[in-house]
Amino acid sequence: MVKVFFCPGGINYKNMKPISRFAMKMFAKSLLNKKDATEEEKKQGEMISKNYSLMDKKYIEPIFTELK
């Protein structure tokens, strides 16, 4: 059986290629400016409009435990 682990990451626009950075910024603006946007879409637009990180060691611990 293959186990699945949840390991969230983040976005760092400084490390992206210009075309990817442009595409992500346009996508974020489209979500923020959408007339009938859901609350989830608004939150997504706000989140991806700037750098963020969700990385935490607590997500890696179950992987190490499984490998032992």
C-alpha atoms as a PDB file:
ATOM      1  CA  MET A   1       0.000   0.000   0.000  1.00  0.00           C
ATOM      2  CA  VAL A   2       1.242   3.495  -0.825  1.00  0.00           C
ATOM      3  CA  LYS A   3       0.771   6.117   1.866  1.00  0.00           C
ATOM      4  CA  VAL A   4      -0.035   9.709   0.993  1.00  0.00           C
ATOM      5  CA  PHE A   5       1.407  12.612   2.956  1.00  0.00           C
ATOM      6  CA  PHE A   6       0.302  16.245   3.005  1.00  0.00           C
ATOM      7  CA  CYS A   7       3.252  18.621   2.673  1.00  0.00           C
ATOM      8  CA  PRO A   8       2.128  22.160   1.830  1.00  0.00           C
ATOM      9  CA  GLY A   9       4.616  24.527   0.258  1.00  0.00           C
ATOM     10  CA  GLY A  10       4.313  28.140  -0.732  1.00  0.00           C
ATOM     11  CA  ILE A  11       5.093  30.760  -3.350  1.00  0.00           C
ATOM     12  CA  ASN A  12       8.231  32.843  -3.677  1.00  0.00           C
ATOM     13  CA  TYR A  13       7.900  35.199  -6.646  1.00  0.00           C
ATOM     14  CA  LYS A  14      11.573  36.187  -6.432  1.00  0.00           C
ATOM     15  CA  ASN A  15      12.601  32.643  -7.428  1.00  0.00           C
ATOM     16  CA  MET A  16      10.170  32.361 -10.360  1.00  0.00           C
ATOM     17  CA  LYS A  17      10.944  32.946 -13.987  1.00  0.00           C
ATOM     18  CA  PRO A  18       9.407  36.193 -15.267  1.00  0.00           C
ATOM     19  CA  ILE A  19       6.739  34.473 -17.396  1.00  0.00           C
ATOM     20  CA  SER A  20       5.606  32.298 -14.461  1.00  0.00           C
ATOM     21  CA  ARG A  21       5.573  35.290 -12.123  1.00  0.00           C
ATOM     22  CA  PHE A  22       3.487  37.242 -14.652  1.00  0.00           C
ATOM     23  CA  ALA A  23       1.039  34.359 -15.105  1.00  0.00           C
ATOM     24  CA  MET A  24       0.563  33.921 -11.351  1.00  0.00           C
ATOM     25  CA  LYS A  25       0.061  37.649 -10.784  1.00  0.00           C
ATOM     26  CA  MET A  26      -2.533  37.747 -13.587  1.00  0.00           C
ATOM     27  CA  PHE A  27      -4.325  34.726 -12.137  1.00  0.00           C
ATOM     28  CA  ALA A  28      -4.372  36.345  -8.678  1.00  0.00           C
ATOM     29  CA  LYS A  29      -5.784  39.576 -10.139  1.00  0.00           C
ATOM     30  CA  SER A  30      -8.447  37.648 -12.040  1.00  0.00           C
ATOM     31  CA  LEU A  31      -9.566  35.973  -8.812  1.00  0.00           C
ATOM     32  CA  LEU A  32      -9.557  39.245  -6.869  1.00  0.00           C
ATOM     33  CA  ASN A  33     -11.485  41.115  -9.572  1.00  0.00           C
ATOM     34  CA  LYS A  34     -14.010  38.372 -10.338  1.00  0.00           C
ATOM     35  CA  LYS A  35     -17.512  39.806  -9.909  1.00  0.00           C
ATOM     36  CA  ASP A  36     -19.192  36.674  -8.572  1.00  0.00           C
ATOM     37  CA  ALA A  37     -16.170  35.251  -6.723  1.00  0.00           C
ATOM     38  CA  THR A  38     -16.798  32.839  -3.885  1.00  0.00           C
ATOM     39  CA  GLU A  39     -15.163  33.408  -0.503  1.00  0.00           C
ATOM     40  CA  GLU A  40     -12.699  30.626  -1.315  1.00  0.00           C
ATOM     41  CA  GLU A  41     -11.709  32.298  -4.600  1.00  0.00           C
ATOM     42  CA  LYS A  42     -11.212  35.617  -2.816  1.00  0.00           C
ATOM     43  CA  LYS A  43      -8.991  33.971  -0.206  1.00  0.00           C
ATOM     44  CA  GLN A  44      -7.004  32.203  -2.922  1.00  0.00           C
ATOM     45  CA  GLY A  45      -6.547  35.471  -4.798  1.00  0.00           C
ATOM     46  CA  GLU A  46      -5.308  37.228  -1.674  1.00  0.00           C
ATOM     47  CA  MET A  47      -2.985  34.389  -0.771  1.00  0.00           C
ATOM     48  CA  ILE A  48      -1.303  34.013  -4.166  1.00  0.00           C
ATOM     49  CA  SER A  49      -0.980  37.743  -4.731  1.00  0.00           C
ATOM     50  CA  LYS A  50       2.133  37.802  -2.512  1.00  0.00           C
ATOM     51  CA  ASN A  51       4.869  35.495  -1.218  1.00  0.00           C
ATOM     52  CA  TYR A  52       3.830  32.967   1.403  1.00  0.00           C
ATOM     53  CA  SER A  53       5.074  29.774   2.995  1.00  0.00           C
ATOM     54  CA  LEU A  54       3.116  27.008   4.679  1.00  0.00           C
ATOM     55  CA  MET A  55       6.156  24.808   5.236  1.00  0.00           C
ATOM     56  CA  ASP A  56       6.482  23.360   8.712  1.00  0.00           C
ATOM     57  CA  LYS A  57       8.537  20.503  10.141  1.00  0.00           C
ATOM     58  CA  LYS A  58       5.387  18.947  11.574  1.00  0.00           C
ATOM     59  CA  TYR A  59       4.457  17.808   8.044  1.00  0.00           C
ATOM     60  CA  ILE A  60       7.763  15.961   7.606  1.00  0.00           C
ATOM     61  CA  GLU A  61       7.644  14.027  10.876  1.00  0.00           C
ATOM     62  CA  PRO A  62       5.062  11.443   9.662  1.00  0.00           C
ATOM     63  CA  ILE A  63       7.269  10.716   6.631  1.00  0.00           C
ATOM     64  CA  PHE A  64      10.299  10.061   8.824  1.00  0.00           C
ATOM     65  CA  THR A  65       8.205   7.906  11.130  1.00  0.00           C
ATOM     66  CA  GLU A  66       7.010   5.833   8.160  1.00  0.00           C
ATOM     67  CA  LEU A  67      10.559   5.403   6.814  1.00  0.00           C
ATOM     68  CA  LYS A  68      11.903   4.034  10.134  1.00  0.00           C
END
